[in-house]
C-alpha atoms as a PDB file:
ATOM      1  CA  MET A   1      18.049  -3.367 -76.291  1.00  0.00           C
ATOM      2  CA  LYS A   2      19.003  -5.794 -73.584  1.00  0.00           C
ATOM      3  CA  GLY A   3      20.300  -9.252 -74.521  1.00  0.00           C
ATOM      4  CA  SER A   4      18.002 -11.452 -72.507  1.00  0.00           C
ATOM      5  CA  ILE A   5      14.199 -11.406 -71.967  1.00  0.00           C
ATOM      6  CA  TYR A   6      14.735 -12.866 -68.520  1.00  0.00           C
ATOM      7  CA  ARG A   7      15.614 -10.301 -65.915  1.00  0.00           C
ATOM      8  CA  LYS A   8      17.502 -11.559 -62.898  1.00  0.00           C
ATOM      9  CA  ARG A   9      16.107 -10.907 -59.413  1.00  0.00           C
ATOM     10  CA  TYR A  10      18.072 -11.505 -56.324  1.00  0.00           C
ATOM     11  CA  ILE A  11      16.013 -12.147 -53.222  1.00  0.00           C
ATOM     12  CA  LEU A  12      17.509 -11.342 -49.791  1.00  0.00           C
ATOM     13  CA  ALA A  13      15.803 -13.538 -47.248  1.00  0.00           C
ATOM     14  CA  TYR A  14      16.131 -14.333 -43.565  1.00  0.00           C
ATOM     15  CA  SER A  15      15.364 -17.765 -42.217  1.00  0.00           C
ATOM     16  CA  GLU A  16      16.132 -19.724 -39.060  1.00  0.00           C
ATOM     17  CA  ASN A  17      15.974 -22.998 -41.002  1.00  0.00           C
ATOM     18  CA  GLY A  18      17.813 -21.882 -44.053  1.00  0.00           C
ATOM     19  CA  ASP A  19      19.363 -25.235 -45.037  1.00  0.00           C
ATOM     20  CA  GLU A  20      15.944 -26.934 -45.398  1.00  0.00           C
ATOM     21  CA  LEU A  21      14.674 -23.805 -47.292  1.00  0.00           C
ATOM     22  CA  ASP A  22      17.685 -24.043 -49.694  1.00  0.00           C
ATOM     23  CA  LYS A  23      16.834 -27.647 -50.429  1.00  0.00           C
ATOM     24  CA  TYR A  24      13.150 -27.073 -50.817  1.00  0.00           C
ATOM     25  CA  LEU A  25      13.574 -24.142 -53.256  1.00  0.00           C
ATOM     26  CA  PHE A  26      16.147 -25.961 -55.266  1.00  0.00           C
ATOM     27  CA  TYR A  27      14.229 -29.288 -55.541  1.00  0.00           C
ATOM     28  CA  SER A  28      10.847 -27.717 -56.095  1.00  0.00           C
ATOM     29  CA  MET A  29      11.568 -24.817 -58.258  1.00  0.00           C
ATOM     30  CA  GLY A  30      15.169 -24.934 -59.300  1.00  0.00           C
ATOM     31  CA  ILE A  31      16.108 -21.746 -57.381  1.00  0.00           C
ATOM     32  CA  LYS A  32      19.801 -21.549 -56.532  1.00  0.00           C
ATOM     33  CA  ARG A  33      21.329 -19.933 -53.474  1.00  0.00           C
ATOM     34  CA  LYS A  34      24.012 -17.480 -54.498  1.00  0.00           C
ATOM     35  CA  TYR A  35      25.172 -16.162 -51.056  1.00  0.00           C
ATOM     36  CA  ARG A  36      24.897 -17.249 -47.499  1.00  0.00           C
ATOM     37  CA  TYR A  37      25.889 -15.633 -44.214  1.00  0.00           C
ATOM     38  CA  LYS A  38      24.539 -16.886 -40.914  1.00  0.00           C
ATOM     39  CA  ASN A  39      20.783 -16.851 -41.323  1.00  0.00           C
ATOM     40  CA  TYR A  40      20.665 -14.590 -44.376  1.00  0.00           C
ATOM     41  CA  ARG A  41      20.517 -15.983 -47.929  1.00  0.00           C
ATOM     42  CA  ILE A  42      20.443 -14.489 -51.393  1.00  0.00           C
ATOM     43  CA  TYR A  43      18.516 -16.477 -54.029  1.00  0.00           C
ATOM     44  CA  LEU A  44      18.572 -16.031 -57.819  1.00  0.00           C
ATOM     45  CA  ALA A  45      15.117 -15.845 -59.478  1.00  0.00           C
ATOM     46  CA  ASN A  46      13.871 -14.245 -62.571  1.00  0.00           C
ATOM     47  CA  GLN A  47      11.058 -11.704 -63.188  1.00  0.00           C
ATOM     48  CA  PHE A  48       8.445 -14.409 -63.879  1.00  0.00           C
ATOM     49  CA  ASN A  49       8.889 -16.709 -60.838  1.00  0.00           C
ATOM     50  CA  ARG A  50       9.879 -14.027 -58.342  1.00  0.00           C
ATOM     51  CA  ASN A  51       6.466 -13.732 -56.701  1.00  0.00           C
ATOM     52  CA  ASN A  52       6.103 -17.584 -56.370  1.00  0.00           C
ATOM     53  CA  VAL A  53       9.497 -17.809 -54.818  1.00  0.00           C
ATOM     54  CA  ILE A  54       8.662 -15.023 -52.259  1.00  0.00           C
ATOM     55  CA  LYS A  55       5.433 -16.816 -51.351  1.00  0.00           C
ATOM     56  CA  LYS A  56       7.296 -20.113 -50.835  1.00  0.00           C
ATOM     57  CA  ILE A  57       9.908 -18.433 -48.632  1.00  0.00           C
ATOM     58  CA  GLU A  58       7.248 -16.842 -46.443  1.00  0.00           C
ATOM     59  CA  TYR A  59       5.237 -20.093 -46.383  1.00  0.00           C
ATOM     60  CA  HIS A  60       8.188 -22.006 -44.959  1.00  0.00           C
ATOM     61  CA  GLY A  61       8.913 -19.489 -42.186  1.00  0.00           C
ATOM     62  CA  GLY A  62      11.397 -17.137 -43.895  1.00  0.00           C
ATOM     63  CA  ARG A  63      11.198 -13.386 -44.287  1.00  0.00           C
ATOM     64  CA  VAL A  64      11.952 -11.541 -47.495  1.00  0.00           C
ATOM     65  CA  GLU A  65      14.078  -8.496 -46.769  1.00  0.00           C
ATOM     66  CA  TYR A  66      14.864  -7.076 -50.163  1.00  0.00           C
ATOM     67  CA  VAL A  67      14.484  -7.767 -53.871  1.00  0.00           C
ATOM     68  CA  SER A  68      17.060  -6.316 -56.322  1.00  0.00           C
ATOM     69  CA  GLY A  69      18.181  -6.655 -59.887  1.00  0.00           C
ATOM     70  CA  THR A  70      21.826  -7.026 -58.892  1.00  0.00           C
ATOM     71  CA  ILE A  71      23.560  -9.093 -56.246  1.00  0.00           C
ATOM     72  CA  LYS A  72      25.743  -6.067 -55.408  1.00  0.00           C
ATOM     73  CA  ASN A  73      22.749  -4.025 -54.276  1.00  0.00           C
ATOM     74  CA  ALA A  74      21.295  -6.999 -52.349  1.00  0.00           C
ATOM     75  CA  ARG A  75      24.599  -7.427 -50.490  1.00  0.00           C
ATOM     76  CA  ARG A  76      24.914  -3.686 -49.867  1.00  0.00           C
ATOM     77  CA  TYR A  77      21.422  -3.594 -48.308  1.00  0.00           C
ATOM     78  CA  TRP A  78      22.354  -6.570 -46.059  1.00  0.00           C
ATOM     79  CA  ALA A  79      25.592  -4.870 -45.087  1.00  0.00           C
ATOM     80  CA  VAL A  80      23.923  -1.624 -44.195  1.00  0.00           C
ATOM     81  CA  LYS A  81      21.246  -3.508 -42.192  1.00  0.00           C
ATOM     82  CA  SER A  82      23.626  -5.498 -40.020  1.00  0.00           C
END
C-alpha cells in the first residue's frame, strides 16, 4: 500500500509568457514550478487538481505537452522532444 493518498502529477507545459503563468498558478491555486528551461516549465500538481491546472494553463495561452507521475519521466520527454 502506498504511503500517501495524494499522487503527484508533473505537468510539462510550454508558454511564451511563462513568468506570468507561474505567478498566476501559484497565487490562485498554490501550484509550484519545479523546473524551468527557456519556455518550458514543469509544474507539480496532484491527482485531484490536475485537470483544473491544465485548464488554467490552456486558458492563459500555454500548451500542455505531457503529464507524468515522476519528474524524471517529464524531463526525459522534454529532452527527447527538443
